[in-house]
Amino acid sequence: MAEKEGGIVKKGHEEGMKMAASILAEFELPLGLLPLAEVVEVGFARSTGYMWIVQKKKVEHTFKMVSKLVSYDSDITGYVEKKRIKKLKGVKAKELMLWPPVSEIIVDDPPTGKIHFKSLAGITKTFPVEAFAAGQ
């Protein structure tokens, strides 16, 4: 894949988690945004902003502060830039009985304390950014 060209790859859970956390921190995104488990590989191509994550299996996580159940597929991809992940694939948030895919995540700039999750269906949900801090 052309978007992976020149990318840095870390294999294994511990190294992959460190890299994912450093990418989130560098681009001013909440550190708890990607509660991953059994990471196989994390990659990032700085020239394109393309990030990919491979886990052994799908993970579901409830962000307790906002009572939101989110599903993370075994393959997650997206384009990272300051306070934003675009063209996100592999993440879904439960809404009533449906699981619409989350296509974009944006943290307000200048900071307002809000984070927005957009789906391809045109639905945008806004939450306090602290709900997605590490350990939430």
Protein backbone atom coordinates (compact mmCIF):
# COMPACT_ATOMS: atom_id res chain seq x y z
CA MET A 1 0.00 0.00 0.00
CA ALA A 2 1.40 3.37 -1.04
CA GLU A 3 0.18 5.12 2.12
CA LYS A 4 2.37 2.80 4.26
CA GLU A 5 5.50 3.65 2.25
CA GLY A 6 8.32 4.88 4.47
CA GLY A 7 6.32 4.08 7.59
CA ILE A 8 7.74 3.16 10.98
CA VAL A 9 6.41 -0.18 12.27
CA LYS A 10 6.45 -1.51 15.82
CA LYS A 11 5.63 -5.16 16.43
CA GLY A 12 4.19 -6.65 19.61
CA HIS A 13 1.80 -5.34 22.23
CA GLU A 14 4.17 -3.33 24.43
CA GLU A 15 6.05 -1.57 21.61
CA GLY A 16 2.82 -1.06 19.62
CA MET A 17 1.05 0.52 22.60
CA LYS A 18 3.99 2.88 23.19
CA MET A 19 3.93 3.96 19.55
CA ALA A 20 0.13 4.43 19.51
CA ALA A 21 0.34 6.56 22.68
CA SER A 22 3.18 8.66 21.26
CA ILE A 23 1.20 9.32 18.04
CA LEU A 24 -1.89 10.36 20.03
CA ALA A 25 0.22 12.65 22.25
CA GLU A 26 2.11 14.21 19.33
CA PHE A 27 -1.12 15.08 17.52
CA GLU A 28 -2.84 16.34 20.69
CA LEU A 29 -5.46 13.58 20.85
CA PRO A 30 -6.70 11.99 24.11
CA LEU A 31 -4.41 9.14 25.22
CA GLY A 32 -7.35 6.85 26.07
CA LEU A 33 -8.91 7.15 22.60
CA LEU A 34 -7.56 3.76 21.49
CA PRO A 35 -8.01 1.21 24.31
CA LEU A 36 -6.25 -1.61 22.47
CA ALA A 37 -5.59 -5.21 23.48
CA GLU A 38 -3.19 -7.82 22.15
CA VAL A 39 -1.58 -5.48 19.62
CA VAL A 40 0.25 -7.24 16.80
CA GLU A 41 1.52 -4.18 14.92
CA VAL A 42 1.28 -0.38 14.88
CA GLY A 43 2.56 1.62 11.95
CA PHE A 44 2.78 5.28 11.03
CA ALA A 45 3.88 6.95 7.78
CA ARG A 46 4.73 10.52 8.69
CA SER A 47 4.76 11.69 5.05
CA THR A 48 1.07 10.84 4.55
CA GLY A 49 -0.17 10.79 8.17
CA TYR A 50 -1.40 7.23 7.61
CA MET A 51 -1.64 5.13 10.78
CA TRP A 52 -2.54 1.46 11.03
CA ILE A 53 -3.11 -0.83 13.98
CA VAL A 54 -3.47 -4.61 13.94
CA GLN A 55 -4.84 -6.43 17.00
CA LYS A 56 -5.32 -10.18 17.44
CA LYS A 57 -9.08 -9.69 17.82
CA LYS A 58 -11.85 -7.12 18.00
CA VAL A 59 -12.10 -5.19 21.28
CA GLU A 60 -15.15 -3.52 22.83
CA HIS A 61 -14.66 -0.78 25.41
CA THR A 62 -17.13 1.28 27.44
CA PHE A 63 -16.14 4.86 28.13
CA LYS A 64 -17.84 5.10 31.52
CA MET A 65 -17.96 8.89 31.89
CA VAL A 66 -20.19 9.15 28.78
CA SER A 67 -21.70 5.63 28.88
CA LYS A 68 -20.54 4.93 25.33
CA LEU A 69 -19.73 1.44 24.04
CA VAL A 70 -17.15 1.47 21.24
CA SER A 71 -15.97 -1.44 19.10
CA TYR A 72 -12.41 -1.58 17.71
CA ASP A 73 -11.89 -4.08 14.86
CA SER A 74 -8.74 -6.16 14.56
CA ASP A 75 -7.62 -3.75 11.79
CA ILE A 76 -7.87 0.00 12.40
CA THR A 77 -6.63 2.61 9.92
CA GLY A 78 -6.83 6.37 9.51
CA TYR A 79 -5.00 9.57 8.66
CA VAL A 80 -3.73 11.49 11.68
CA GLU A 81 -3.16 15.23 11.83
CA LYS A 82 -3.17 17.79 14.65
CA LYS A 83 -6.25 17.16 16.84
CA ARG A 84 -7.89 14.96 14.18
CA ILE A 85 -8.14 11.47 12.69
CA LYS A 86 -9.70 11.38 9.20
CA LYS A 87 -10.88 8.48 7.01
CA LEU A 88 -10.99 6.31 10.11
CA LYS A 89 -11.84 2.65 9.53
CA GLY A 90 -12.38 -0.12 12.06
CA VAL A 91 -14.07 1.88 14.85
CA LYS A 92 -17.82 1.78 15.61
CA ALA A 93 -19.85 3.37 18.40
CA LYS A 94 -23.12 1.86 19.55
CA GLU A 95 -26.16 4.10 19.01
CA LEU A 96 -29.40 2.54 20.23
CA MET A 97 -29.46 -0.82 18.39
CA LEU A 98 -27.06 0.21 15.60
CA TRP A 99 -23.27 0.28 15.25
CA PRO A 100 -22.50 3.13 12.80
CA PRO A 101 -18.84 3.36 11.81
CA VAL A 102 -16.91 6.37 13.12
CA SER A 103 -15.20 8.03 10.16
CA GLU A 104 -13.60 11.06 11.80
CA ILE A 105 -12.56 12.23 15.27
CA ILE A 106 -11.88 15.91 15.93
CA VAL A 107 -10.70 17.70 19.08
CA ASP A 108 -11.66 21.39 19.13
CA ASP A 109 -8.88 23.83 18.28
CA PRO A 110 -8.70 26.25 20.03
CA PRO A 111 -9.50 23.96 22.98
CA THR A 112 -13.05 23.97 24.32
CA GLY A 113 -12.83 20.65 26.15
CA LYS A 114 -14.93 18.92 23.47
CA ILE A 115 -14.26 16.01 21.12
CA HIS A 116 -16.49 15.20 18.11
CA PHE A 117 -17.11 11.80 16.51
CA LYS A 118 -18.51 11.84 12.97
CA SER A 119 -20.03 8.89 11.12
CA LEU A 120 -20.46 8.37 7.40
CA ALA A 121 -24.22 8.57 8.01
CA GLY A 122 -23.78 12.25 8.88
CA ILE A 123 -24.26 11.74 12.63
CA THR A 124 -21.95 13.77 14.87
CA LYS A 125 -21.72 13.14 18.62
CA THR A 126 -19.89 15.53 20.94
CA PHE A 127 -18.46 14.60 24.34
CA PRO A 128 -16.10 16.05 26.97
CA VAL A 129 -12.54 15.30 25.87
CA GLU A 130 -11.61 14.12 29.40
CA ALA A 131 -13.95 11.12 28.94
CA PHE A 132 -11.30 9.69 26.60
CA ALA A 133 -8.25 10.30 28.80
CA ALA A 134 -5.94 7.41 29.57
CA GLY A 135 -7.55 4.92 31.94
CA GLN A 136 -11.15 5.89 31.17
